[in-house]
Full PDB file with SEQRES, HELIX, SHEET, SSBOND, CRYST1, ORIGX, SCALE, CONECT and MASTER records, all heavy atoms in Angstrom:
SEQRES   1 A   45  PRO PHE VAL ASP ASP THR ALA VAL ILE ILE ASN ASN ILE          
SEQRES   2 A   45  ALA LEU MET CYS ASN PRO TYR GLY ASN ARG GLN GLY GLU          
SEQRES   3 A   45  VAL SER ALA ILE ARG GLN THR LEU LYS ARG GLN LEU GLY          
SEQRES   4 A   45  MET LYS VAL ALA GLU ILE                                      
HELIX    1 AA1 VAL A    3  ASP A    5  5                                   3    
HELIX    2 AA2 GLN A   24  GLN A   32  1                                   9    
HELIX    3 AA3 THR A   33  GLN A   37  3                                   5    
SHEET    1 AA1 3 ALA A   7  ILE A  10  0                                        
SHEET    2 AA1 3 ILE A  13  MET A  16 -1                                        
SHEET    3 AA1 3 LYS A  41  ALA A  43  1                                        
CRYST1    1.000    1.000    1.000  90.00  90.00  90.00 P 1           1          
ORIGX1      1.000000  0.000000  0.000000        0.00000                         
ORIGX2      0.000000  1.000000  0.000000        0.00000                         
ORIGX3      0.000000  0.000000  1.000000        0.00000                         
SCALE1      1.000000  0.000000  0.000000        0.00000                         
SCALE2      0.000000  1.000000  0.000000        0.00000                         
SCALE3      0.000000  0.000000  1.000000        0.00000                         
ATOM      1  N   PRO A   1      -0.153 -12.774  -2.329  1.00  0.00           N  
ATOM      2  CA  PRO A   1       1.235 -12.911  -1.840  1.00  0.00           C  
ATOM      3  C   PRO A   1       2.206 -11.975  -2.479  1.00  0.00           C  
ATOM      4  O   PRO A   1       3.289 -11.727  -1.994  1.00  0.00           O  
ATOM      5  CB  PRO A   1       1.589 -14.379  -2.125  1.00  0.00           C  
ATOM      6  CG  PRO A   1       0.262 -15.086  -2.163  1.00  0.00           C  
ATOM      7  CD  PRO A   1      -0.682 -14.071  -2.765  1.00  0.00           C  
ATOM      8  N   PHE A   2       1.805 -11.402  -3.633  1.00  0.00           N  
ATOM      9  CA  PHE A   2       2.691 -10.418  -4.330  1.00  0.00           C  
ATOM     10  C   PHE A   2       2.503  -9.038  -3.706  1.00  0.00           C  
ATOM     11  O   PHE A   2       2.039  -8.099  -4.381  1.00  0.00           O  
ATOM     12  CB  PHE A   2       2.390 -10.402  -5.830  1.00  0.00           C  
ATOM     13  CG  PHE A   2       2.532 -11.758  -6.516  1.00  0.00           C  
ATOM     14  CD1 PHE A   2       1.460 -12.319  -7.157  1.00  0.00           C  
ATOM     15  CD2 PHE A   2       3.726 -12.445  -6.482  1.00  0.00           C  
ATOM     16  CE1 PHE A   2       1.565 -13.567  -7.765  1.00  0.00           C  
ATOM     17  CE2 PHE A   2       3.895 -13.693  -7.035  1.00  0.00           C  
ATOM     18  CZ  PHE A   2       2.791 -14.260  -7.743  1.00  0.00           C  
ATOM     19  N   VAL A   3       2.846  -8.925  -2.446  1.00  0.00           N  
ATOM     20  CA  VAL A   3       2.658  -7.664  -1.691  1.00  0.00           C  
ATOM     21  C   VAL A   3       3.433  -6.532  -2.291  1.00  0.00           C  
ATOM     22  O   VAL A   3       3.102  -5.357  -2.116  1.00  0.00           O  
ATOM     23  CB  VAL A   3       2.950  -7.848  -0.215  1.00  0.00           C  
ATOM     24  CG1 VAL A   3       2.008  -8.804   0.438  1.00  0.00           C  
ATOM     25  CG2 VAL A   3       4.411  -8.241   0.029  1.00  0.00           C  
ATOM     26  N   ASP A   4       4.530  -6.799  -3.018  1.00  0.00           N  
ATOM     27  CA  ASP A   4       5.359  -5.745  -3.606  1.00  0.00           C  
ATOM     28  C   ASP A   4       4.620  -4.935  -4.668  1.00  0.00           C  
ATOM     29  O   ASP A   4       5.017  -3.840  -5.004  1.00  0.00           O  
ATOM     30  CB  ASP A   4       6.639  -6.315  -4.172  1.00  0.00           C  
ATOM     31  CG  ASP A   4       6.421  -7.370  -5.233  1.00  0.00           C  
ATOM     32  OD1 ASP A   4       5.463  -8.170  -5.057  1.00  0.00           O  
ATOM     33  OD2 ASP A   4       7.203  -7.442  -6.190  1.00  0.00           O  
ATOM     34  N   ASP A   5       3.526  -5.487  -5.201  1.00  0.00           N  
ATOM     35  CA  ASP A   5       2.732  -4.743  -6.219  1.00  0.00           C  
ATOM     36  C   ASP A   5       1.859  -3.640  -5.620  1.00  0.00           C  
ATOM     37  O   ASP A   5       1.371  -2.805  -6.323  1.00  0.00           O  
ATOM     38  CB  ASP A   5       1.838  -5.695  -6.973  1.00  0.00           C  
ATOM     39  CG  ASP A   5       2.636  -6.572  -7.966  1.00  0.00           C  
ATOM     40  OD1 ASP A   5       3.738  -6.186  -8.375  1.00  0.00           O  
ATOM     41  OD2 ASP A   5       2.091  -7.592  -8.350  1.00  0.00           O  
ATOM     42  N   THR A   6       1.628  -3.651  -4.343  1.00  0.00           N  
ATOM     43  CA  THR A   6       0.592  -2.847  -3.720  1.00  0.00           C  
ATOM     44  C   THR A   6       1.050  -1.458  -3.257  1.00  0.00           C  
ATOM     45  O   THR A   6       0.260  -0.557  -3.064  1.00  0.00           O  
ATOM     46  CB  THR A   6      -0.044  -3.540  -2.499  1.00  0.00           C  
ATOM     47  OG1 THR A   6       1.002  -3.819  -1.527  1.00  0.00           O  
ATOM     48  CG2 THR A   6      -0.705  -4.846  -2.939  1.00  0.00           C  
ATOM     49  N   ALA A   7       2.357  -1.236  -3.049  1.00  0.00           N  
ATOM     50  CA  ALA A   7       2.791   0.107  -2.528  1.00  0.00           C  
ATOM     51  C   ALA A   7       4.270   0.319  -2.937  1.00  0.00           C  
ATOM     52  O   ALA A   7       5.044  -0.636  -3.063  1.00  0.00           O  
ATOM     53  CB  ALA A   7       2.690   0.138  -1.026  1.00  0.00           C  
ATOM     54  N   VAL A   8       4.602   1.574  -3.109  1.00  0.00           N  
ATOM     55  CA  VAL A   8       5.985   2.025  -3.239  1.00  0.00           C  
ATOM     56  C   VAL A   8       6.334   2.746  -2.021  1.00  0.00           C  
ATOM     57  O   VAL A   8       5.636   3.726  -1.695  1.00  0.00           O  
ATOM     58  CB  VAL A   8       6.184   2.907  -4.526  1.00  0.00           C  
ATOM     59  CG1 VAL A   8       7.590   3.437  -4.581  1.00  0.00           C  
ATOM     60  CG2 VAL A   8       5.800   2.181  -5.794  1.00  0.00           C  
ATOM     61  N   ILE A   9       7.336   2.345  -1.261  1.00  0.00           N  
ATOM     62  CA  ILE A   9       7.594   2.922   0.032  1.00  0.00           C  
ATOM     63  C   ILE A   9       9.041   3.482   0.053  1.00  0.00           C  
ATOM     64  O   ILE A   9       9.995   2.760  -0.224  1.00  0.00           O  
ATOM     65  CB  ILE A   9       7.456   1.878   1.181  1.00  0.00           C  
ATOM     66  CG1 ILE A   9       6.075   1.308   1.155  1.00  0.00           C  
ATOM     67  CG2 ILE A   9       7.790   2.518   2.512  1.00  0.00           C  
ATOM     68  CD1 ILE A   9       5.873   0.076   2.053  1.00  0.00           C  
ATOM     69  N   ILE A  10       9.159   4.751   0.298  1.00  0.00           N  
ATOM     70  CA  ILE A  10      10.420   5.459   0.395  1.00  0.00           C  
ATOM     71  C   ILE A  10      10.335   6.498   1.545  1.00  0.00           C  
ATOM     72  O   ILE A  10       9.393   7.261   1.549  1.00  0.00           O  
ATOM     73  CB  ILE A  10      10.786   6.151  -0.960  1.00  0.00           C  
ATOM     74  CG1 ILE A  10      10.873   5.120  -2.084  1.00  0.00           C  
ATOM     75  CG2 ILE A  10      12.134   6.899  -0.805  1.00  0.00           C  
ATOM     76  CD1 ILE A  10      11.012   5.756  -3.480  1.00  0.00           C  
ATOM     77  N   ASN A  11      11.329   6.466   2.410  1.00  0.00           N  
ATOM     78  CA  ASN A  11      11.393   7.433   3.496  1.00  0.00           C  
ATOM     79  C   ASN A  11      10.107   7.543   4.284  1.00  0.00           C  
ATOM     80  O   ASN A  11       9.595   8.616   4.583  1.00  0.00           O  
ATOM     81  CB  ASN A  11      11.797   8.805   2.966  1.00  0.00           C  
ATOM     82  CG  ASN A  11      13.136   8.808   2.351  1.00  0.00           C  
ATOM     83  OD1 ASN A  11      13.985   7.969   2.673  1.00  0.00           O  
ATOM     84  ND2 ASN A  11      13.449   9.720   1.427  1.00  0.00           N  
ATOM     85  N   ASN A  12       9.529   6.391   4.687  1.00  0.00           N  
ATOM     86  CA  ASN A  12       8.360   6.329   5.532  1.00  0.00           C  
ATOM     87  C   ASN A  12       7.086   6.912   4.864  1.00  0.00           C  
ATOM     88  O   ASN A  12       6.148   7.271   5.529  1.00  0.00           O  
ATOM     89  CB  ASN A  12       8.608   6.986   6.897  1.00  0.00           C  
ATOM     90  CG  ASN A  12       7.789   6.338   7.967  1.00  0.00           C  
ATOM     91  OD1 ASN A  12       7.591   5.141   7.992  1.00  0.00           O  
ATOM     92  ND2 ASN A  12       7.249   7.162   8.892  1.00  0.00           N  
ATOM     93  N   ILE A  13       7.102   7.050   3.563  1.00  0.00           N  
ATOM     94  CA  ILE A  13       5.912   7.463   2.794  1.00  0.00           C  
ATOM     95  C   ILE A  13       5.562   6.290   1.899  1.00  0.00           C  
ATOM     96  O   ILE A  13       6.425   5.754   1.159  1.00  0.00           O  
ATOM     97  CB  ILE A  13       6.163   8.711   1.941  1.00  0.00           C  
ATOM     98  CG1 ILE A  13       6.521   9.917   2.854  1.00  0.00           C  
ATOM     99  CG2 ILE A  13       4.953   9.016   1.053  1.00  0.00           C  
ATOM    100  CD1 ILE A  13       6.969  11.159   2.111  1.00  0.00           C  
ATOM    101  N   ALA A  14       4.336   5.898   1.893  1.00  0.00           N  
ATOM    102  CA  ALA A  14       3.856   4.778   1.060  1.00  0.00           C  
ATOM    103  C   ALA A  14       2.896   5.310   0.028  1.00  0.00           C  
ATOM    104  O   ALA A  14       1.837   5.872   0.388  1.00  0.00           O  
ATOM    105  CB  ALA A  14       3.147   3.711   1.938  1.00  0.00           C  
ATOM    106  N   LEU A  15       3.268   5.158  -1.235  1.00  0.00           N  
ATOM    107  CA  LEU A  15       2.325   5.472  -2.341  1.00  0.00           C  
ATOM    108  C   LEU A  15       1.574   4.151  -2.622  1.00  0.00           C  
ATOM    109  O   LEU A  15       2.168   3.162  -3.051  1.00  0.00           O  
ATOM    110  CB  LEU A  15       3.061   5.945  -3.595  1.00  0.00           C  
ATOM    111  CG  LEU A  15       2.234   6.088  -4.841  1.00  0.00           C  
ATOM    112  CD1 LEU A  15       1.094   7.118  -4.621  1.00  0.00           C  
ATOM    113  CD2 LEU A  15       3.126   6.476  -6.040  1.00  0.00           C  
ATOM    114  N   MET A  16       0.284   4.177  -2.424  1.00  0.00           N  
ATOM    115  CA  MET A  16      -0.569   3.029  -2.622  1.00  0.00           C  
ATOM    116  C   MET A  16      -0.749   2.883  -4.128  1.00  0.00           C  
ATOM    117  O   MET A  16      -1.112   3.837  -4.829  1.00  0.00           O  
ATOM    118  CB  MET A  16      -1.898   3.118  -1.880  1.00  0.00           C  
ATOM    119  CG  MET A  16      -1.753   3.312  -0.374  1.00  0.00           C  
ATOM    120  SD  MET A  16      -0.549   2.229   0.407  1.00  0.00           S  
ATOM    121  CE  MET A  16      -1.201   0.591   0.067  1.00  0.00           C  
ATOM    122  N   CYS A  17      -0.507   1.701  -4.669  1.00  0.00           N  
ATOM    123  CA  CYS A  17      -0.545   1.480  -6.110  1.00  0.00           C  
ATOM    124  C   CYS A  17      -1.959   1.145  -6.566  1.00  0.00           C  
ATOM    125  O   CYS A  17      -2.883   0.935  -5.800  1.00  0.00           O  
ATOM    126  CB  CYS A  17       0.445   0.331  -6.443  1.00  0.00           C  
ATOM    127  SG  CYS A  17       2.124   0.799  -6.140  1.00  0.00           S  
ATOM    128  N   ASN A  18      -2.069   1.078  -7.867  1.00  0.00           N  
ATOM    129  CA  ASN A  18      -3.290   0.681  -8.560  1.00  0.00           C  
ATOM    130  C   ASN A  18      -2.934  -0.488  -9.466  1.00  0.00           C  
ATOM    131  O   ASN A  18      -2.798  -0.347 -10.661  1.00  0.00           O  
ATOM    132  CB  ASN A  18      -3.845   1.845  -9.334  1.00  0.00           C  
ATOM    133  CG  ASN A  18      -5.167   1.571  -9.953  1.00  0.00           C  
ATOM    134  OD1 ASN A  18      -5.826   0.624  -9.560  1.00  0.00           O  
ATOM    135  ND2 ASN A  18      -5.653   2.425 -10.858  1.00  0.00           N  
ATOM    136  N   PRO A  19      -2.704  -1.677  -8.873  1.00  0.00           N  
ATOM    137  CA  PRO A  19      -2.243  -2.798  -9.652  1.00  0.00           C  
ATOM    138  C   PRO A  19      -3.264  -3.293 -10.674  1.00  0.00           C  
ATOM    139  O   PRO A  19      -4.471  -3.043 -10.512  1.00  0.00           O  
ATOM    140  CB  PRO A  19      -1.879  -3.872  -8.616  1.00  0.00           C  
ATOM    141  CG  PRO A  19      -2.592  -3.488  -7.413  1.00  0.00           C  
ATOM    142  CD  PRO A  19      -2.847  -2.029  -7.474  1.00  0.00           C  
ATOM    143  N   TYR A  20      -2.769  -4.018 -11.595  1.00  0.00           N  
ATOM    144  CA  TYR A  20      -3.509  -4.589 -12.715  1.00  0.00           C  
ATOM    145  C   TYR A  20      -4.643  -5.502 -12.185  1.00  0.00           C  
ATOM    146  O   TYR A  20      -4.419  -6.263 -11.226  1.00  0.00           O  
ATOM    147  CB  TYR A  20      -2.587  -5.378 -13.625  1.00  0.00           C  
ATOM    148  CG  TYR A  20      -3.210  -6.072 -14.747  1.00  0.00           C  
ATOM    149  CD1 TYR A  20      -3.646  -5.336 -15.849  1.00  0.00           C  
ATOM    150  CD2 TYR A  20      -3.439  -7.466 -14.727  1.00  0.00           C  
ATOM    151  CE1 TYR A  20      -4.235  -6.019 -16.967  1.00  0.00           C  
ATOM    152  CE2 TYR A  20      -4.025  -8.101 -15.783  1.00  0.00           C  
ATOM    153  CZ  TYR A  20      -4.427  -7.360 -16.884  1.00  0.00           C  
ATOM    154  OH  TYR A  20      -5.038  -8.021 -17.930  1.00  0.00           O  
ATOM    155  N   GLY A  21      -5.777  -5.422 -12.808  1.00  0.00           N  
ATOM    156  CA  GLY A  21      -6.871  -6.275 -12.471  1.00  0.00           C  
ATOM    157  C   GLY A  21      -7.646  -5.888 -11.226  1.00  0.00           C  
ATOM    158  O   GLY A  21      -7.569  -4.758 -10.782  1.00  0.00           O  
ATOM    159  N   ASN A  22      -8.338  -6.808 -10.705  1.00  0.00           N  
ATOM    160  CA  ASN A  22      -9.233  -6.544  -9.527  1.00  0.00           C  
ATOM    161  C   ASN A  22      -8.452  -6.851  -8.247  1.00  0.00           C  
ATOM    162  O   ASN A  22      -8.671  -7.844  -7.579  1.00  0.00           O  
ATOM    163  CB  ASN A  22     -10.497  -7.380  -9.585  1.00  0.00           C  
ATOM    164  CG  ASN A  22     -11.458  -7.075  -8.471  1.00  0.00           C  
ATOM    165  OD1 ASN A  22     -11.379  -6.056  -7.869  1.00  0.00           O  
ATOM    166  ND2 ASN A  22     -12.349  -7.994  -8.252  1.00  0.00           N  
ATOM    167  N   ARG A  23      -7.484  -5.936  -7.898  1.00  0.00           N  
ATOM    168  CA  ARG A  23      -6.609  -6.238  -6.768  1.00  0.00           C  
ATOM    169  C   ARG A  23      -6.742  -5.166  -5.675  1.00  0.00           C  
ATOM    170  O   ARG A  23      -5.886  -5.096  -4.757  1.00  0.00           O  
ATOM    171  CB  ARG A  23      -5.174  -6.340  -7.254  1.00  0.00           C  
ATOM    172  CG  ARG A  23      -4.987  -7.497  -8.216  1.00  0.00           C  
ATOM    173  CD  ARG A  23      -3.545  -7.654  -8.678  1.00  0.00           C  
ATOM    174  NE  ARG A  23      -2.714  -8.004  -7.554  1.00  0.00           N  
ATOM    175  CZ  ARG A  23      -1.421  -7.946  -7.641  1.00  0.00           C  
ATOM    176  NH1 ARG A  23      -0.774  -7.617  -8.715  1.00  0.00           N  
ATOM    177  NH2 ARG A  23      -0.653  -8.267  -6.578  1.00  0.00           N  
ATOM    178  N   GLN A  24      -7.747  -4.358  -5.697  1.00  0.00           N  
ATOM    179  CA  GLN A  24      -7.851  -3.248  -4.703  1.00  0.00           C  
ATOM    180  C   GLN A  24      -8.069  -3.818  -3.276  1.00  0.00           C  
ATOM    181  O   GLN A  24      -7.615  -3.192  -2.328  1.00  0.00           O  
ATOM    182  CB  GLN A  24      -9.012  -2.281  -5.068  1.00  0.00           C  
ATOM    183  CG  GLN A  24      -8.638  -1.430  -6.262  1.00  0.00           C  
ATOM    184  CD  GLN A  24      -7.312  -0.702  -6.088  1.00  0.00           C  
ATOM    185  OE1 GLN A  24      -7.114  -0.031  -5.103  1.00  0.00           O  
ATOM    186  NE2 GLN A  24      -6.428  -0.860  -7.055  1.00  0.00           N  
ATOM    187  N   GLY A  25      -8.630  -4.979  -3.138  1.00  0.00           N  
ATOM    188  CA  GLY A  25      -8.725  -5.600  -1.817  1.00  0.00           C  
ATOM    189  C   GLY A  25      -7.348  -5.858  -1.183  1.00  0.00           C  
ATOM    190  O   GLY A  25      -7.099  -5.726  -0.011  1.00  0.00           O  
ATOM    191  N   GLU A  26      -6.380  -6.236  -2.077  1.00  0.00           N  
ATOM    192  CA  GLU A  26      -5.012  -6.438  -1.625  1.00  0.00           C  
ATOM    193  C   GLU A  26      -4.387  -5.138  -1.160  1.00  0.00           C  
ATOM    194  O   GLU A  26      -3.704  -5.072  -0.135  1.00  0.00           O  
ATOM    195  CB  GLU A  26      -4.169  -7.035  -2.735  1.00  0.00           C  
ATOM    196  CG  GLU A  26      -4.584  -8.406  -3.193  1.00  0.00           C  
ATOM    197  CD  GLU A  26      -3.852  -8.793  -4.456  1.00  0.00           C  
ATOM    198  OE1 GLU A  26      -2.636  -8.551  -4.590  1.00  0.00           O  
ATOM    199  OE2 GLU A  26      -4.498  -9.376  -5.377  1.00  0.00           O  
ATOM    200  N   VAL A  27      -4.632  -4.064  -1.912  1.00  0.00           N  
ATOM    201  CA  VAL A  27      -4.130  -2.740  -1.587  1.00  0.00           C  
ATOM    202  C   VAL A  27      -4.685  -2.274  -0.257  1.00  0.00           C  
ATOM    203  O   VAL A  27      -3.899  -1.745   0.597  1.00  0.00           O  
ATOM    204  CB  VAL A  27      -4.383  -1.729  -2.715  1.00  0.00           C  
ATOM    205  CG1 VAL A  27      -3.956  -0.317  -2.326  1.00  0.00           C  
ATOM    206  CG2 VAL A  27      -3.688  -2.155  -4.016  1.00  0.00           C  
ATOM    207  N   SER A  28      -5.944  -2.509   0.002  1.00  0.00           N  
ATOM    208  CA  SER A  28      -6.576  -2.089   1.265  1.00  0.00           C  
ATOM    209  C   SER A  28      -5.928  -2.779   2.474  1.00  0.00           C  
ATOM    210  O   SER A  28      -5.664  -2.106   3.463  1.00  0.00           O  
ATOM    211  CB  SER A  28      -8.072  -2.436   1.261  1.00  0.00           C  
ATOM    212  OG  SER A  28      -8.711  -1.680   0.224  1.00  0.00           O  
ATOM    213  N   ALA A  29      -5.589  -4.055   2.332  1.00  0.00           N  
ATOM    214  CA  ALA A  29      -5.012  -4.748   3.478  1.00  0.00           C  
ATOM    215  C   ALA A  29      -3.633  -4.171   3.757  1.00  0.00           C  
ATOM    216  O   ALA A  29      -3.260  -3.998   4.958  1.00  0.00           O  
ATOM    217  CB  ALA A  29      -4.919  -6.265   3.131  1.00  0.00           C  
ATOM    218  N   ILE A  30      -2.882  -3.919   2.740  1.00  0.00           N  
ATOM    219  CA  ILE A  30      -1.546  -3.340   2.954  1.00  0.00           C  
ATOM    220  C   ILE A  30      -1.614  -1.907   3.494  1.00  0.00           C  
ATOM    221  O   ILE A  30      -0.867  -1.542   4.380  1.00  0.00           O  
ATOM    222  CB  ILE A  30      -0.730  -3.411   1.633  1.00  0.00           C  
ATOM    223  CG1 ILE A  30      -0.514  -4.810   1.171  1.00  0.00           C  
ATOM    224  CG2 ILE A  30       0.612  -2.646   1.772  1.00  0.00           C  
ATOM    225  CD1 ILE A  30       0.283  -5.725   2.081  1.00  0.00           C  
ATOM    226  N   ARG A  31      -2.534  -1.145   2.957  1.00  0.00           N  
ATOM    227  CA  ARG A  31      -2.734   0.249   3.442  1.00  0.00           C  
ATOM    228  C   ARG A  31      -3.020   0.258   4.930  1.00  0.00           C  
ATOM    229  O   ARG A  31      -2.390   1.026   5.693  1.00  0.00           O  
ATOM    230  CB  ARG A  31      -3.894   0.894   2.704  1.00  0.00           C  
ATOM    231  CG  ARG A  31      -4.194   2.341   3.147  1.00  0.00           C  
ATOM    232  CD  ARG A  31      -5.468   2.922   2.531  1.00  0.00           C  
ATOM    233  NE  ARG A  31      -5.318   3.075   1.057  1.00  0.00           N  
ATOM    234  CZ  ARG A  31      -5.920   2.383   0.139  1.00  0.00           C  
ATOM    235  NH1 ARG A  31      -6.770   1.390   0.528  1.00  0.00           N  
ATOM    236  NH2 ARG A  31      -5.734   2.591  -1.120  1.00  0.00           N  
ATOM    237  N   GLN A  32      -3.877  -0.598   5.401  1.00  0.00           N  
ATOM    238  CA  GLN A  32      -4.192  -0.654   6.831  1.00  0.00           C  
ATOM    239  C   GLN A  32      -2.977  -1.043   7.640  1.00  0.00           C  
ATOM    240  O   GLN A  32      -2.711  -0.462   8.704  1.00  0.00           O  
ATOM    241  CB  GLN A  32      -5.321  -1.661   7.044  1.00  0.00           C  
ATOM    242  CG  GLN A  32      -6.697  -1.212   6.534  1.00  0.00           C  
ATOM    243  CD  GLN A  32      -7.773  -2.235   6.717  1.00  0.00           C  
ATOM    244  OE1 GLN A  32      -7.537  -3.316   7.261  1.00  0.00           O  
ATOM    245  NE2 GLN A  32      -8.953  -1.955   6.197  1.00  0.00           N  
ATOM    246  N   THR A  33      -2.208  -1.989   7.142  1.00  0.00           N  
ATOM    247  CA  THR A  33      -0.985  -2.417   7.849  1.00  0.00           C  
ATOM    248  C   THR A  33      -0.009  -1.307   7.976  1.00  0.00           C  
ATOM    249  O   THR A  33       0.583  -1.045   9.030  1.00  0.00           O  
ATOM    250  CB  THR A  33      -0.385  -3.664   7.187  1.00  0.00           C  
ATOM    251  OG1 THR A  33      -1.314  -4.734   7.221  1.00  0.00           O  
ATOM    252  CG2 THR A  33       0.860  -4.110   7.882  1.00  0.00           C  
ATOM    253  N   LEU A  34       0.235  -0.591   6.881  1.00  0.00           N  
ATOM    254  CA  LEU A  34       1.215   0.448   6.834  1.00  0.00           C  
ATOM    255  C   LEU A  34       0.827   1.607   7.780  1.00  0.00           C  
ATOM    256  O   LEU A  34       1.656   2.179   8.476  1.00  0.00           O  
ATOM    257  CB  LEU A  34       1.419   0.985   5.402  1.00  0.00           C  
ATOM    258  CG  LEU A  34       2.036  -0.050   4.453  1.00  0.00           C  
ATOM    259  CD1 LEU A  34       2.076   0.532   3.044  1.00  0.00           C  
ATOM    260  CD2 LEU A  34       3.431  -0.452   4.856  1.00  0.00           C  
ATOM    261  N   LYS A  35      -0.450   1.930   7.767  1.00  0.00           N  
ATOM    262  CA  LYS A  35      -0.943   3.031   8.600  1.00  0.00           C  
ATOM    263  C   LYS A  35      -0.962   2.638  10.094  1.00  0.00           C  
ATOM    264  O   LYS A  35      -0.395   3.342  10.918  1.00  0.00           O  
ATOM    265  CB  LYS A  35      -2.361   3.438   8.221  1.00  0.00           C  
ATOM    266  CG  LYS A  35      -2.447   4.361   7.082  1.00  0.00           C  
ATOM    267  CD  LYS A  35      -3.964   4.687   6.865  1.00  0.00           C  
ATOM    268  CE  LYS A  35      -4.187   5.758   5.836  1.00  0.00           C  
ATOM    269  NZ  LYS A  35      -5.611   6.062   5.645  1.00  0.00           N  
ATOM    270  N   ARG A  36      -1.608   1.543  10.388  1.00  0.00           N  
ATOM    271  CA  ARG A  36      -1.859   1.166  11.799  1.00  0.00           C  
ATOM    272  C   ARG A  36      -0.685   0.565  12.463  1.00  0.00           C  
ATOM    273  O   ARG A  36      -0.367   0.920  13.654  1.00  0.00           O  
ATOM    274  CB  ARG A  36      -3.039   0.214  11.884  1.00  0.00           C  
ATOM    275  CG  ARG A  36      -4.358   0.835  11.521  1.00  0.00           C  
ATOM    276  CD  ARG A  36      -5.501  -0.121  11.627  1.00  0.00           C  
ATOM    277  NE  ARG A  36      -6.713   0.539  11.126  1.00  0.00           N  
ATOM    278  CZ  ARG A  36      -7.774  -0.146  10.791  1.00  0.00           C  
ATOM    279  NH1 ARG A  36      -7.795  -1.476  10.844  1.00  0.00           N  
ATOM    280  NH2 ARG A  36      -8.833   0.510  10.367  1.00  0.00           N  
ATOM    281  N   GLN A  37       0.016  -0.328  11.824  1.00  0.00           N  
ATOM    282  CA  GLN A  37       1.143  -1.009  12.480  1.00  0.00           C  
ATOM    283  C   GLN A  37       2.471  -0.277  12.384  1.00  0.00           C  
ATOM    284  O   GLN A  37       3.325  -0.413  13.214  1.00  0.00           O  
ATOM    285  CB  GLN A  37       1.224  -2.431  12.025  1.00  0.00           C  
ATOM    286  CG  GLN A  37       0.027  -3.287  12.455  1.00  0.00           C  
ATOM    287  CD  GLN A  37       0.189  -4.716  12.059  1.00  0.00           C  
ATOM    288  OE1 GLN A  37       0.492  -5.052  10.924  1.00  0.00           O  
ATOM    289  NE2 GLN A  37      -0.059  -5.582  13.021  1.00  0.00           N  
ATOM    290  N   LEU A  38       2.660   0.449  11.306  1.00  0.00           N  
ATOM    291  CA  LEU A  38       3.908   1.144  11.069  1.00  0.00           C  
ATOM    292  C   LEU A  38       3.852   2.624  11.160  1.00  0.00           C  
ATOM    293  O   LEU A  38       4.876   3.330  11.121  1.00  0.00           O  
ATOM    294  CB  LEU A  38       4.536   0.678   9.717  1.00  0.00           C  
ATOM    295  CG  LEU A  38       4.824  -0.798   9.608  1.00  0.00           C  
ATOM    296  CD1 LEU A  38       5.420  -1.081   8.230  1.00  0.00           C  
ATOM    297  CD2 LEU A  38       5.856  -1.223  10.718  1.00  0.00           C  
ATOM    298  N   GLY A  39       2.637   3.197  11.206  1.00  0.00           N  
ATOM    299  CA  GLY A  39       2.459   4.633  11.309  1.00  0.00           C  
ATOM    300  C   GLY A  39       2.980   5.406  10.124  1.00  0.00           C  
ATOM    301  O   GLY A  39       3.405   6.576  10.275  1.00  0.00           O  
ATOM    302  N   MET A  40       2.984   4.848   8.950  1.00  0.00           N  
ATOM    303  CA  MET A  40       3.504   5.472   7.740  1.00  0.00           C  
ATOM    304  C   MET A  40       2.468   6.488   7.212  1.00  0.00           C  
ATOM    305  O   MET A  40       1.305   6.342   7.362  1.00  0.00           O  
ATOM    306  CB  MET A  40       3.793   4.479   6.640  1.00  0.00           C  
ATOM    307  CG  MET A  40       4.995   3.663   6.908  1.00  0.00           C  
ATOM    308  SD  MET A  40       5.435   2.762   5.393  1.00  0.00           S  
ATOM    309  CE  MET A  40       6.916   1.993   5.994  1.00  0.00           C  
ATOM    310  N   LYS A  41       3.032   7.507   6.555  1.00  0.00           N  
ATOM    311  CA  LYS A  41       2.225   8.463   5.832  1.00  0.00           C  
ATOM    312  C   LYS A  41       1.839   7.761   4.518  1.00  0.00           C  
ATOM    313  O   LYS A  41       2.699   7.128   3.881  1.00  0.00           O  
ATOM    314  CB  LYS A  41       3.002   9.740   5.520  1.00  0.00           C  
ATOM    315  CG  LYS A  41       2.217  10.701   4.670  1.00  0.00           C  
ATOM    316  CD  LYS A  41       3.061  11.943   4.375  1.00  0.00           C  
ATOM    317  CE  LYS A  41       2.239  12.846   3.471  1.00  0.00           C  
ATOM    318  NZ  LYS A  41       3.050  13.986   2.959  1.00  0.00           N  
ATOM    319  N   VAL A  42       0.558   7.780   4.190  1.00  0.00           N  
ATOM    320  CA  VAL A  42       0.073   7.101   3.002  1.00  0.00           C  
ATOM    321  C   VAL A  42      -0.426   8.067   2.007  1.00  0.00           C  
ATOM    322  O   VAL A  42      -1.175   8.938   2.287  1.00  0.00           O  
ATOM    323  CB  VAL A  42      -1.093   6.095   3.417  1.00  0.00           C  
ATOM    324  CG1 VAL A  42      -1.714   5.492   2.186  1.00  0.00           C  
ATOM    325  CG2 VAL A  42      -0.547   4.964   4.348  1.00  0.00           C  
ATOM    326  N   ALA A  43       0.075   7.930   0.779  1.00  0.00           N  
ATOM    327  CA  ALA A  43      -0.323   8.766  -0.374  1.00  0.00           C  
ATOM    328  C   ALA A  43      -1.095   7.874  -1.337  1.00  0.00           C  
ATOM    329  O   ALA A  43      -0.859   6.677  -1.430  1.00  0.00           O  
ATOM    330  CB  ALA A  43       0.891   9.353  -1.060  1.00  0.00           C  
ATOM    331  N   GLU A  44      -2.031   8.510  -2.047  1.00  0.00           N  
ATOM    332  CA  GLU A  44      -2.860   7.740  -2.957  1.00  0.00           C  
ATOM    333  C   GLU A  44      -2.544   8.207  -4.398  1.00  0.00           C  
ATOM    334  O   GLU A  44      -2.114   9.281  -4.668  1.00  0.00           O  
ATOM    335  CB  GLU A  44      -4.381   7.978  -2.631  1.00  0.00           C  
ATOM    336  CG  GLU A  44      -4.787   7.568  -1.237  1.00  0.00           C  
ATOM    337  CD  GLU A  44      -4.727   6.092  -0.943  1.00  0.00           C  
ATOM    338  OE1 GLU A  44      -4.773   5.309  -1.912  1.00  0.00           O  
ATOM    339  OE2 GLU A  44      -4.649   5.696   0.217  1.00  0.00           O  
ATOM    340  N   ILE A  45      -2.907   7.334  -5.366  1.00  0.00           N  
ATOM    341  CA  ILE A  45      -2.814   7.667  -6.789  1.00  0.00           C  
ATOM    342  C   ILE A  45      -3.688   8.887  -7.024  1.00  0.00           C  
ATOM    343  O   ILE A  45      -4.841   8.913  -6.634  1.00  0.00           O  
ATOM    344  CB  ILE A  45      -3.266   6.477  -7.632  1.00  0.00           C  
ATOM    345  CG1 ILE A  45      -2.333   5.275  -7.492  1.00  0.00           C  
ATOM    346  CG2 ILE A  45      -3.476   6.861  -9.091  1.00  0.00           C  
ATOM    347  CD1 ILE A  45      -1.021   5.434  -8.178  1.00  0.00           C  
TER     348      ILE A  45                                                      
MASTER        0    0    0    3    3    0    0    6  347    1    0    4          
END                                                                             
């Protein structure tokens, strides 16, 4: 539920984060949503 930990979004660019612990599955779900539903440009660490 702490979706704010998974990405930094500014000007339609989303930097996918690398949050603490084993949370990459959370990042993947947000990445897919940002790309597919919002058409955002996604940047990686």
